[in-house]
Amino acid sequence: LSELILAINAAKKGGTYFGTTARMILSEYLRDVEGAKSDEGNFESLSMREREVLKLLADGKTVKEIAGQLCISPKTVESHKYHIMAKLDTRSLADLIKMAIRKKLIEF
């Protein structure tokens, strides 16, 4: 009953009233949307070299193979991998690849 009174008062003032359930649903939706934007925004923060390394990792290349292909040291590849995982907030290579595929950040 109190929500009905609040809704009527809001309508009288030309406003809008969202009940508890509607607020929860809207809040959850906005959190999901912001999370998706955040993931994509983090991808935008990857350097071109980090994107190259991500694609090669997704292709199943080893650190040593990537180093040879890009003419950099394996330690540099590991550093790029570490930074990619930190920027995209992933904990393992498998999580990194799954997230990149799900978000269509990499194509095959």
PDB file of N, CA and C in Angstrom:
ATOM      1  N   LEU A   1       0.828  -1.196   0.000  1.00  0.00           N
ATOM      2  CA  LEU A   1       0.000   0.000   0.000  1.00  0.00           C
ATOM      3  C   LEU A   1       0.873   1.261   0.000  1.00  0.00           C
ATOM      4  N   SER A   2       1.974   1.226   0.757  1.00  0.00           N
ATOM      5  CA  SER A   2       2.828   2.417   0.821  1.00  0.00           C
ATOM      6  C   SER A   2       3.467   2.712  -0.542  1.00  0.00           C
ATOM      7  N   GLU A   3       3.779   1.646  -1.306  1.00  0.00           N
ATOM      8  CA  GLU A   3       4.356   1.866  -2.644  1.00  0.00           C
ATOM      9  C   GLU A   3       3.325   2.503  -3.565  1.00  0.00           C
ATOM     10  N   LEU A   4       2.065   2.136  -3.406  1.00  0.00           N
ATOM     11  CA  LEU A   4       0.997   2.723  -4.213  1.00  0.00           C
ATOM     12  C   LEU A   4       0.881   4.218  -3.916  1.00  0.00           C
ATOM     13  N   ILE A   5       0.955   4.575  -2.660  1.00  0.00           N
ATOM     14  CA  ILE A   5       0.879   5.991  -2.272  1.00  0.00           C
ATOM     15  C   ILE A   5       2.068   6.761  -2.846  1.00  0.00           C
ATOM     16  N   LEU A   6       3.253   6.175  -2.755  1.00  0.00           N
ATOM     17  CA  LEU A   6       4.441   6.820  -3.321  1.00  0.00           C
ATOM     18  C   LEU A   6       4.294   7.006  -4.833  1.00  0.00           C
ATOM     19  N   ALA A   7       3.736   5.999  -5.500  1.00  0.00           N
ATOM     20  CA  ALA A   7       3.545   6.073  -6.950  1.00  0.00           C
ATOM     21  C   ALA A   7       2.549   7.170  -7.314  1.00  0.00           C
ATOM     22  N   ILE A   8       1.469   7.261  -6.558  1.00  0.00           N
ATOM     23  CA  ILE A   8       0.446   8.288  -6.817  1.00  0.00           C
ATOM     24  C   ILE A   8       1.036   9.684  -6.601  1.00  0.00           C
ATOM     25  N   ASN A   9       1.772   9.851  -5.519  1.00  0.00           N
ATOM     26  CA  ASN A   9       2.390  11.157  -5.242  1.00  0.00           C
ATOM     27  C   ASN A   9       3.394  11.535  -6.332  1.00  0.00           C
ATOM     28  N   ALA A  10       4.169  10.569  -6.795  1.00  0.00           N
ATOM     29  CA  ALA A  10       5.131  10.843  -7.870  1.00  0.00           C
ATOM     30  C   ALA A  10       4.398  11.251  -9.137  1.00  0.00           C
ATOM     31  N   ALA A  11       3.296  10.566  -9.449  1.00  0.00           N
ATOM     32  CA  ALA A  11       2.522  10.878 -10.653  1.00  0.00           C
ATOM     33  C   ALA A  11       1.908  12.277 -10.555  1.00  0.00           C
ATOM     34  N   LYS A  12       1.427  12.640  -9.388  1.00  0.00           N
ATOM     35  CA  LYS A  12       0.850  13.976  -9.189  1.00  0.00           C
ATOM     36  C   LYS A  12       1.867  15.079  -9.497  1.00  0.00           C
ATOM     37  N   LYS A  13       3.113  14.799  -9.160  1.00  0.00           N
ATOM     38  CA  LYS A  13       4.177  15.785  -9.373  1.00  0.00           C
ATOM     39  C   LYS A  13       4.774  15.688 -10.770  1.00  0.00           C
ATOM     40  N   GLY A  14       4.191  14.822 -11.608  1.00  0.00           N
ATOM     41  CA  GLY A  14       4.695  14.664 -12.969  1.00  0.00           C
ATOM     42  C   GLY A  14       5.932  13.786 -13.049  1.00  0.00           C
ATOM     43  N   GLY A  15       6.218  13.074 -11.985  1.00  0.00           N
ATOM     44  CA  GLY A  15       7.404  12.217 -11.942  1.00  0.00           C
ATOM     45  C   GLY A  15       7.083  10.770 -12.278  1.00  0.00           C
ATOM     46  N   THR A  16       8.044   9.950 -12.050  1.00  0.00           N
ATOM     47  CA  THR A  16       7.915   8.519 -12.300  1.00  0.00           C
ATOM     48  C   THR A  16       8.288   7.781 -11.031  1.00  0.00           C
ATOM     49  N   TYR A  17       7.626   6.675 -10.780  1.00  0.00           N
ATOM     50  CA  TYR A  17       7.944   5.873  -9.607  1.00  0.00           C
ATOM     51  C   TYR A  17       8.248   4.446 -10.048  1.00  0.00           C
ATOM     52  N   PHE A  18       9.340   3.928  -9.545  1.00  0.00           N
ATOM     53  CA  PHE A  18       9.689   2.532  -9.795  1.00  0.00           C
ATOM     54  C   PHE A  18       9.589   1.783  -8.475  1.00  0.00           C
ATOM     55  N   GLY A  19       8.811   0.716  -8.478  1.00  0.00           N
ATOM     56  CA  GLY A  19       8.683  -0.117  -7.289  1.00  0.00           C
ATOM     57  C   GLY A  19       9.980  -0.852  -6.994  1.00  0.00           C
ATOM     58  N   THR A  20       9.996  -1.514  -5.856  1.00  0.00           N
ATOM     59  CA  THR A  20      11.196  -2.222  -5.412  1.00  0.00           C
ATOM     60  C   THR A  20      11.670  -3.234  -6.444  1.00  0.00           C
ATOM     61  N   THR A  21      10.768  -4.029  -6.971  1.00  0.00           N
ATOM     62  CA  THR A  21      11.139  -5.056  -7.951  1.00  0.00           C
ATOM     63  C   THR A  21      11.684  -4.423  -9.220  1.00  0.00           C
ATOM     64  N   ALA A  22      11.027  -3.391  -9.700  1.00  0.00           N
ATOM     65  CA  ALA A  22      11.486  -2.719 -10.921  1.00  0.00           C
ATOM     66  C   ALA A  22      12.871  -2.108 -10.713  1.00  0.00           C
ATOM     67  N   ARG A  23      13.095  -1.521  -9.537  1.00  0.00           N
ATOM     68  CA  ARG A  23      14.411  -0.938  -9.249  1.00  0.00           C
ATOM     69  C   ARG A  23      15.495  -2.008  -9.226  1.00  0.00           C
ATOM     70  N   MET A  24      15.189  -3.165  -8.643  1.00  0.00           N
ATOM     71  CA  MET A  24      16.175  -4.248  -8.591  1.00  0.00           C
ATOM     72  C   MET A  24      16.509  -4.746  -9.993  1.00  0.00           C
ATOM     73  N   ILE A  25      15.485  -4.930 -10.819  1.00  0.00           N
ATOM     74  CA  ILE A  25      15.696  -5.412 -12.188  1.00  0.00           C
ATOM     75  C   ILE A  25      16.501  -4.389 -12.984  1.00  0.00           C
ATOM     76  N   LEU A  26      16.132  -3.133 -12.882  1.00  0.00           N
ATOM     77  CA  LEU A  26      16.841  -2.073 -13.600  1.00  0.00           C
ATOM     78  C   LEU A  26      18.291  -1.964 -13.129  1.00  0.00           C
ATOM     79  N   SER A  27      18.494  -2.047 -11.842  1.00  0.00           N
ATOM     80  CA  SER A  27      19.848  -1.975 -11.289  1.00  0.00           C
ATOM     81  C   SER A  27      20.711  -3.130 -11.791  1.00  0.00           C
ATOM     82  N   GLU A  28      20.155  -4.335 -11.799  1.00  0.00           N
ATOM     83  CA  GLU A  28      20.895  -5.505 -12.287  1.00  0.00           C
ATOM     84  C   GLU A  28      21.222  -5.358 -13.770  1.00  0.00           C
ATOM     85  N   TYR A  29      20.263  -4.885 -14.546  1.00  0.00           N
ATOM     86  CA  TYR A  29      20.479  -4.689 -15.978  1.00  0.00           C
ATOM     87  C   TYR A  29      21.600  -3.675 -16.222  1.00  0.00           C
ATOM     88  N   LEU A  30      21.537  -2.550 -15.525  1.00  0.00           N
ATOM     89  CA  LEU A  30      22.558  -1.515 -15.711  1.00  0.00           C
ATOM     90  C   LEU A  30      23.938  -2.005 -15.283  1.00  0.00           C
ATOM     91  N   ARG A  31      23.992  -2.797 -14.232  1.00  0.00           N
ATOM     92  CA  ARG A  31      25.270  -3.358 -13.786  1.00  0.00           C
ATOM     93  C   ARG A  31      25.841  -4.280 -14.859  1.00  0.00           C
ATOM     94  N   ASP A  32      24.985  -5.116 -15.476  1.00  0.00           N
ATOM     95  CA  ASP A  32      25.429  -6.005 -16.553  1.00  0.00           C
ATOM     96  C   ASP A  32      25.922  -5.214 -17.757  1.00  0.00           C
ATOM     97  N   VAL A  33      25.186  -4.177 -18.133  1.00  0.00           N
ATOM     98  CA  VAL A  33      25.569  -3.349 -19.276  1.00  0.00           C
ATOM     99  C   VAL A  33      26.900  -2.657 -18.996  1.00  0.00           C
ATOM    100  N   GLU A  34      27.046  -2.097 -17.812  1.00  0.00           N
ATOM    101  CA  GLU A  34      28.299  -1.424 -17.459  1.00  0.00           C
ATOM    102  C   GLU A  34      29.453  -2.411 -17.424  1.00  0.00           C
ATOM    103  N   GLY A  35      29.194  -3.630 -16.951  1.00  0.00           N
ATOM    104  CA  GLY A  35      30.235  -4.660 -16.938  1.00  0.00           C
ATOM    105  C   GLY A  35      30.686  -5.003 -18.338  1.00  0.00           C
ATOM    106  N   ALA A  36      29.734  -5.115 -19.262  1.00  0.00           N
ATOM    107  CA  ALA A  36      30.078  -5.421 -20.656  1.00  0.00           C
ATOM    108  C   ALA A  36      30.879  -4.270 -21.262  1.00  0.00           C
ATOM    109  N   LYS A  37      30.459  -3.038 -20.995  1.00  0.00           N
ATOM    110  CA  LYS A  37      31.201  -1.881 -21.510  1.00  0.00           C
ATOM    111  C   LYS A  37      32.602  -1.848 -20.926  1.00  0.00           C
ATOM    112  N   SER A  38      32.689  -2.195 -19.645  1.00  0.00           N
ATOM    113  CA  SER A  38      33.988  -2.178 -18.975  1.00  0.00           C
ATOM    114  C   SER A  38      34.939  -3.172 -19.614  1.00  0.00           C
ATOM    115  N   ASP A  39      34.449  -4.396 -19.904  1.00  0.00           N
ATOM    116  CA  ASP A  39      35.294  -5.396 -20.558  1.00  0.00           C
ATOM    117  C   ASP A  39      35.785  -4.893 -21.900  1.00  0.00           C
ATOM    118  N   GLU A  40      34.852  -4.303 -22.681  1.00  0.00           N
ATOM    119  CA  GLU A  40      35.229  -3.826 -24.002  1.00  0.00           C
ATOM    120  C   GLU A  40      36.184  -2.643 -23.888  1.00  0.00           C
ATOM    121  N   GLY A  41      35.937  -1.792 -22.911  1.00  0.00           N
ATOM    122  CA  GLY A  41      36.827  -0.661 -22.710  1.00  0.00           C
ATOM    123  C   GLY A  41      38.222  -1.105 -22.347  1.00  0.00           C
ATOM    124  N   ASN A  42      38.310  -2.150 -21.535  1.00  0.00           N
ATOM    125  CA  ASN A  42      39.618  -2.681 -21.180  1.00  0.00           C
ATOM    126  C   ASN A  42      40.325  -3.205 -22.417  1.00  0.00           C
ATOM    127  N   PHE A  43      39.580  -3.827 -23.328  1.00  0.00           N
ATOM    128  CA  PHE A  43      40.198  -4.322 -24.554  1.00  0.00           C
ATOM    129  C   PHE A  43      40.777  -3.158 -25.342  1.00  0.00           C
ATOM    130  N   GLU A  44      40.070  -2.050 -25.345  1.00  0.00           N
ATOM    131  CA  GLU A  44      40.556  -0.873 -26.066  1.00  0.00           C
ATOM    132  C   GLU A  44      41.877  -0.382 -25.488  1.00  0.00           C
ATOM    133  N   SER A  45      42.125  -0.688 -24.225  1.00  0.00           N
ATOM    134  CA  SER A  45      43.372  -0.237 -23.603  1.00  0.00           C
ATOM    135  C   SER A  45      44.566  -1.114 -23.979  1.00  0.00           C
ATOM    136  N   LEU A  46      44.317  -2.246 -24.661  1.00  0.00           N
ATOM    137  CA  LEU A  46      45.428  -3.100 -25.090  1.00  0.00           C
ATOM    138  C   LEU A  46      46.207  -2.419 -26.207  1.00  0.00           C
ATOM    139  N   SER A  47      47.516  -2.529 -26.129  1.00  0.00           N
ATOM    140  CA  SER A  47      48.354  -1.993 -27.207  1.00  0.00           C
ATOM    141  C   SER A  47      48.221  -2.891 -28.435  1.00  0.00           C
ATOM    142  N   MET A  48      48.669  -2.412 -29.562  1.00  0.00           N
ATOM    143  CA  MET A  48      48.622  -3.225 -30.787  1.00  0.00           C
ATOM    144  C   MET A  48      49.427  -4.510 -30.596  1.00  0.00           C
ATOM    145  N   ARG A  49      50.569  -4.422 -29.939  1.00  0.00           N
ATOM    146  CA  ARG A  49      51.403  -5.602 -29.712  1.00  0.00           C
ATOM    147  C   ARG A  49      50.678  -6.597 -28.800  1.00  0.00           C
ATOM    148  N   GLU A  50      50.008  -6.084 -27.769  1.00  0.00           N
ATOM    149  CA  GLU A  50      49.250  -6.968 -26.877  1.00  0.00           C
ATOM    150  C   GLU A  50      48.125  -7.660 -27.636  1.00  0.00           C
ATOM    151  N   ARG A  51      47.498  -6.957 -28.558  1.00  0.00           N
ATOM    152  CA  ARG A  51      46.445  -7.578 -29.373  1.00  0.00           C
ATOM    153  C   ARG A  51      47.018  -8.672 -30.256  1.00  0.00           C
ATOM    154  N   GLU A  52      48.201  -8.425 -30.816  1.00  0.00           N
ATOM    155  CA  GLU A  52      48.869  -9.449 -31.632  1.00  0.00           C
ATOM    156  C   GLU A  52      49.153 -10.690 -30.796  1.00  0.00           C
ATOM    157  N   VAL A  53      49.688 -10.474 -29.610  1.00  0.00           N
ATOM    158  CA  VAL A  53      50.012 -11.593 -28.722  1.00  0.00           C
ATOM    159  C   VAL A  53      48.739 -12.344 -28.340  1.00  0.00           C
ATOM    160  N   LEU A  54      47.671 -11.626 -28.038  1.00  0.00           N
ATOM    161  CA  LEU A  54      46.397 -12.259 -27.696  1.00  0.00           C
ATOM    162  C   LEU A  54      45.910 -13.144 -28.833  1.00  0.00           C
ATOM    163  N   LYS A  55      45.956 -12.639 -30.052  1.00  0.00           N
ATOM    164  CA  LYS A  55      45.512 -13.419 -31.217  1.00  0.00           C
ATOM    165  C   LYS A  55      46.359 -14.678 -31.376  1.00  0.00           C
ATOM    166  N   LEU A  56      47.670 -14.553 -31.224  1.00  0.00           N
ATOM    167  CA  LEU A  56      48.556 -15.706 -31.377  1.00  0.00           C
ATOM    168  C   LEU A  56      48.346 -16.721 -30.256  1.00  0.00           C
ATOM    169  N   LEU A  57      48.105 -16.239 -29.046  1.00  0.00           N
ATOM    170  CA  LEU A  57      47.784 -17.153 -27.945  1.00  0.00           C
ATOM    171  C   LEU A  57      46.491 -17.902 -28.245  1.00  0.00           C
ATOM    172  N   ALA A  58      45.502 -17.174 -28.761  1.00  0.00           N
ATOM    173  CA  ALA A  58      44.222 -17.794 -29.107  1.00  0.00           C
ATOM    174  C   ALA A  58      44.379 -18.803 -30.233  1.00  0.00           C
ATOM    175  N   ASP A  59      45.367 -18.583 -31.092  1.00  0.00           N
ATOM    176  CA  ASP A  59      45.645 -19.527 -32.180  1.00  0.00           C
ATOM    177  C   ASP A  59      46.381 -20.766 -31.686  1.00  0.00           C
ATOM    178  N   GLY A  60      46.701 -20.798 -30.386  1.00  0.00           N
ATOM    179  CA  GLY A  60      47.358 -21.962 -29.814  1.00  0.00           C
ATOM    180  C   GLY A  60      48.873 -21.936 -29.863  1.00  0.00           C
ATOM    181  N   LYS A  61      49.435 -20.802 -30.210  1.00  0.00           N
ATOM    182  CA  LYS A  61      50.898 -20.682 -30.277  1.00  0.00           C
ATOM    183  C   LYS A  61      51.488 -20.688 -28.866  1.00  0.00           C
ATOM    184  N   THR A  62      52.684 -21.242 -28.738  1.00  0.00           N
ATOM    185  CA  THR A  62      53.395 -21.213 -27.464  1.00  0.00           C
ATOM    186  C   THR A  62      54.108 -19.875 -27.322  1.00  0.00           C
ATOM    187  N   VAL A  63      54.539 -19.593 -26.102  1.00  0.00           N
ATOM    188  CA  VAL A  63      55.285 -18.355 -25.848  1.00  0.00           C
ATOM    189  C   VAL A  63      56.527 -18.313 -26.733  1.00  0.00           C
ATOM    190  N   LYS A  64      57.212 -19.436 -26.836  1.00  0.00           N
ATOM    191  CA  LYS A  64      58.431 -19.496 -27.648  1.00  0.00           C
ATOM    192  C   LYS A  64      58.122 -19.246 -29.131  1.00  0.00           C
ATOM    193  N   GLU A  65      57.021 -19.825 -29.632  1.00  0.00           N
ATOM    194  CA  GLU A  65      56.635 -19.616 -31.035  1.00  0.00           C
ATOM    195  C   GLU A  65      56.270 -18.155 -31.293  1.00  0.00           C
ATOM    196  N   ILE A  66      55.539 -17.566 -30.352  1.00  0.00           N
ATOM    197  CA  ILE A  66      55.152 -16.156 -30.496  1.00  0.00           C
ATOM    198  C   ILE A  66      56.395 -15.271 -30.503  1.00  0.00           C
ATOM    199  N   ALA A  67      57.318 -15.559 -29.597  1.00  0.00           N
ATOM    200  CA  ALA A  67      58.563 -14.783 -29.529  1.00  0.00           C
ATOM    201  C   ALA A  67      59.303 -14.836 -30.859  1.00  0.00           C
ATOM    202  N   GLY A  68      59.410 -16.027 -31.438  1.00  0.00           N
ATOM    203  CA  GLY A  68      60.088 -16.167 -32.723  1.00  0.00           C
ATOM    204  C   GLY A  68      59.378 -15.429 -33.838  1.00  0.00           C
ATOM    205  N   GLN A  69      58.060 -15.535 -33.871  1.00  0.00           N
ATOM    206  CA  GLN A  69      57.277 -14.897 -34.934  1.00  0.00           C
ATOM    207  C   GLN A  69      57.341 -13.374 -34.844  1.00  0.00           C
ATOM    208  N   LEU A  70      57.335 -12.838 -33.630  1.00  0.00           N
ATOM    209  CA  LEU A  70      57.324 -11.378 -33.456  1.00  0.00           C
ATOM    210  C   LEU A  70      58.722 -10.790 -33.250  1.00  0.00           C
ATOM    211  N   CYS A  71      59.722 -11.650 -33.266  1.00  0.00           N
ATOM    212  CA  CYS A  71      61.118 -11.219 -33.075  1.00  0.00           C
ATOM    213  C   CYS A  71      61.319 -10.485 -31.745  1.00  0.00           C
ATOM    214  N   ILE A  72      60.748 -11.061 -30.693  1.00  0.00           N
ATOM    215  CA  ILE A  72      60.929 -10.538 -29.342  1.00  0.00           C
ATOM    216  C   ILE A  72      61.312 -11.707 -28.439  1.00  0.00           C
ATOM    217  N   SER A  73      61.745 -11.422 -27.240  1.00  0.00           N
ATOM    218  CA  SER A  73      62.154 -12.497 -26.335  1.00  0.00           C
ATOM    219  C   SER A  73      60.934 -13.173 -25.705  1.00  0.00           C
ATOM    220  N   PRO A  74      61.073 -14.439 -25.320  1.00  0.00           N
ATOM    221  CA  PRO A  74      59.975 -15.116 -24.621  1.00  0.00           C
ATOM    222  C   PRO A  74      59.560 -14.366 -23.346  1.00  0.00           C
ATOM    223  N   LYS A  75      60.526 -13.750 -22.680  1.00  0.00           N
ATOM    224  CA  LYS A  75      60.216 -12.983 -21.471  1.00  0.00           C
ATOM    225  C   LYS A  75      59.303 -11.796 -21.801  1.00  0.00           C
ATOM    226  N   THR A  76      59.518 -11.171 -22.946  1.00  0.00           N
ATOM    227  CA  THR A  76      58.664 -10.056 -23.376  1.00  0.00           C
ATOM    228  C   THR A  76      57.257 -10.555 -23.682  1.00  0.00           C
ATOM    229  N   VAL A  77      57.159 -11.728 -24.308  1.00  0.00           N
ATOM    230  CA  VAL A  77      55.840 -12.322 -24.577  1.00  0.00           C
ATOM    231  C   VAL A  77      55.121 -12.578 -23.253  1.00  0.00           C
ATOM    232  N   GLU A  78      55.834 -13.142 -22.279  1.00  0.00           N
ATOM    233  CA  GLU A  78      55.241 -13.396 -20.957  1.00  0.00           C
ATOM    234  C   GLU A  78      54.767 -12.087 -20.327  1.00  0.00           C
ATOM    235  N   SER A  79      55.545 -11.035 -20.491  1.00  0.00           N
ATOM    236  CA  SER A  79      55.173  -9.730 -19.957  1.00  0.00           C
ATOM    237  C   SER A  79      53.897  -9.214 -20.622  1.00  0.00           C
ATOM    238  N   HIS A  80      53.821  -9.340 -21.948  1.00  0.00           N
ATOM    239  CA  HIS A  80      52.602  -8.929 -22.664  1.00  0.00           C
ATOM    240  C   HIS A  80      51.408  -9.748 -22.175  1.00  0.00           C
ATOM    241  N   LYS A  81      51.604 -11.048 -22.041  1.00  0.00           N
ATOM    242  CA  LYS A  81      50.525 -11.935 -21.584  1.00  0.00           C
ATOM    243  C   LYS A  81      50.042 -11.504 -20.198  1.00  0.00           C
ATOM    244  N   TYR A  82      50.974 -11.209 -19.311  1.00  0.00           N
ATOM    245  CA  TYR A  82      50.633 -10.763 -17.960  1.00  0.00           C
ATOM    246  C   TYR A  82      49.814  -9.466 -18.010  1.00  0.00           C
ATOM    247  N   HIS A  83      50.259  -8.503 -18.821  1.00  0.00           N
ATOM    248  CA  HIS A  83      49.548  -7.223 -18.920  1.00  0.00           C
ATOM    249  C   HIS A  83      48.159  -7.391 -19.537  1.00  0.00           C
ATOM    250  N   ILE A  84      48.048  -8.251 -20.544  1.00  0.00           N
ATOM    251  CA  ILE A  84      46.746  -8.514 -21.171  1.00  0.00           C
ATOM    252  C   ILE A  84      45.782  -9.068 -20.128  1.00  0.00           C
ATOM    253  N   MET A  85      46.242 -10.078 -19.386  1.00  0.00           N
ATOM    254  CA  MET A  85      45.383 -10.710 -18.385  1.00  0.00           C
ATOM    255  C   MET A  85      44.997  -9.722 -17.291  1.00  0.00           C
ATOM    256  N   ALA A  86      45.908  -8.848 -16.906  1.00  0.00           N
ATOM    257  CA  ALA A  86      45.596  -7.838 -15.890  1.00  0.00           C
ATOM    258  C   ALA A  86      44.569  -6.839 -16.417  1.00  0.00           C
ATOM    259  N   LYS A  87      44.760  -6.366 -17.638  1.00  0.00           N
ATOM    260  CA  LYS A  87      43.841  -5.375 -18.213  1.00  0.00           C
ATOM    261  C   LYS A  87      42.447  -5.945 -18.421  1.00  0.00           C
ATOM    262  N   LEU A  88      42.369  -7.235 -18.778  1.00  0.00           N
ATOM    263  CA  LEU A  88      41.074  -7.856 -19.044  1.00  0.00           C
ATOM    264  C   LEU A  88      40.543  -8.611 -17.829  1.00  0.00           C
ATOM    265  N   ASP A  89      41.248  -8.491 -16.711  1.00  0.00           N
ATOM    266  CA  ASP A  89      40.830  -9.085 -15.441  1.00  0.00           C
ATOM    267  C   ASP A  89      40.529 -10.579 -15.570  1.00  0.00           C
ATOM    268  N   THR A  90      41.471 -11.315 -16.130  1.00  0.00           N
ATOM    269  CA  THR A  90      41.343 -12.765 -16.233  1.00  0.00           C
ATOM    270  C   THR A  90      42.441 -13.412 -15.403  1.00  0.00           C
ATOM    271  N   ARG A  91      42.174 -14.636 -14.945  1.00  0.00           N
ATOM    272  CA  ARG A  91      43.100 -15.307 -14.034  1.00  0.00           C
ATOM    273  C   ARG A  91      43.917 -16.411 -14.697  1.00  0.00           C
ATOM    274  N   SER A  92      43.465 -16.872 -15.849  1.00  0.00           N
ATOM    275  CA  SER A  92      44.188 -17.954 -16.527  1.00  0.00           C
ATOM    276  C   SER A  92      44.126 -17.726 -18.032  1.00  0.00           C
ATOM    277  N   LEU A  93      44.983 -18.423 -18.735  1.00  0.00           N
ATOM    278  CA  LEU A  93      44.988 -18.314 -20.194  1.00  0.00           C
ATOM    279  C   LEU A  93      43.655 -18.789 -20.766  1.00  0.00           C
ATOM    280  N   ALA A  94      43.121 -19.869 -20.199  1.00  0.00           N
ATOM    281  CA  ALA A  94      41.827 -20.382 -20.672  1.00  0.00           C
ATOM    282  C   ALA A  94      40.729 -19.336 -20.494  1.00  0.00           C
ATOM    283  N   ASP A  95      40.693 -18.680 -19.332  1.00  0.00           N
ATOM    284  CA  ASP A  95      39.699 -17.621 -19.096  1.00  0.00           C
ATOM    285  C   ASP A  95      39.883 -16.463 -20.070  1.00  0.00           C
ATOM    286  N   LEU A  96      41.126 -16.128 -20.330  1.00  0.00           N
ATOM    287  CA  LEU A  96      41.434 -15.042 -21.260  1.00  0.00           C
ATOM    288  C   LEU A  96      40.893 -15.352 -22.655  1.00  0.00           C
ATOM    289  N   ILE A  97      41.162 -16.548 -23.141  1.00  0.00           N
ATOM    290  CA  ILE A  97      40.718 -16.937 -24.482  1.00  0.00           C
ATOM    291  C   ILE A  97      39.196 -17.016 -24.544  1.00  0.00           C
ATOM    292  N   LYS A  98      38.570 -17.614 -23.526  1.00  0.00           N
ATOM    293  CA  LYS A  98      37.105 -17.709 -23.503  1.00  0.00           C
ATOM    294  C   LYS A  98      36.466 -16.325 -23.533  1.00  0.00           C
ATOM    295  N   MET A  99      36.981 -15.409 -22.711  1.00  0.00           N
ATOM    296  CA  MET A  99      36.430 -14.062 -22.669  1.00  0.00           C
ATOM    297  C   MET A  99      36.615 -13.354 -24.008  1.00  0.00           C
ATOM    298  N   ALA A 100      37.780 -13.500 -24.591  1.00  0.00           N
ATOM    299  CA  ALA A 100      38.056 -12.835 -25.867  1.00  0.00           C
ATOM    300  C   ALA A 100      37.143 -13.353 -26.973  1.00  0.00           C
ATOM    301  N   ILE A 101      36.887 -14.655 -26.985  1.00  0.00           N
ATOM    302  CA  ILE A 101      35.990 -15.235 -27.992  1.00  0.00           C
ATOM    303  C   ILE A 101      34.554 -14.793 -27.728  1.00  0.00           C
ATOM    304  N   ARG A 102      34.119 -14.884 -26.471  1.00  0.00           N
ATOM    305  CA  ARG A 102      32.739 -14.524 -26.112  1.00  0.00           C
ATOM    306  C   ARG A 102      32.444 -13.072 -26.463  1.00  0.00           C
ATOM    307  N   LYS A 103      33.397 -12.187 -26.221  1.00  0.00           N
ATOM    308  CA  LYS A 103      33.204 -10.769 -26.508  1.00  0.00           C
ATOM    309  C   LYS A 103      33.531 -10.418 -27.957  1.00  0.00           C
ATOM    310  N   LYS A 104      33.889 -11.446 -28.730  1.00  0.00           N
ATOM    311  CA  LYS A 104      34.248 -11.256 -30.143  1.00  0.00           C
ATOM    312  C   LYS A 104      35.422 -10.281 -30.293  1.00  0.00           C
ATOM    313  N   LEU A 105      36.347 -10.367 -29.336  1.00  0.00           N
ATOM    314  CA  LEU A 105      37.532  -9.522 -29.389  1.00  0.00           C
ATOM    315  C   LEU A 105      38.561 -10.105 -30.342  1.00  0.00           C
ATOM    316  N   ILE A 106      38.442 -11.408 -30.575  1.00  0.00           N
ATOM    317  CA  ILE A 106      39.313 -12.080 -31.533  1.00  0.00           C
ATOM    318  C   ILE A 106      38.441 -12.913 -32.453  1.00  0.00           C
ATOM    319  N   GLU A 107      38.868 -13.053 -33.678  1.00  0.00           N
ATOM    320  CA  GLU A 107      38.134 -13.836 -34.669  1.00  0.00           C
ATOM    321  C   GLU A 107      39.036 -14.931 -35.192  1.00  0.00           C
ATOM    322  N   PHE A 108      38.418 -16.019 -35.604  1.00  0.00           N
ATOM    323  CA  PHE A 108      39.177 -17.121 -36.185  1.00  0.00           C
ATOM    324  C   PHE A 108      38.868 -17.244 -37.650  1.00  0.00           C
TER     325      PHE A 108
END
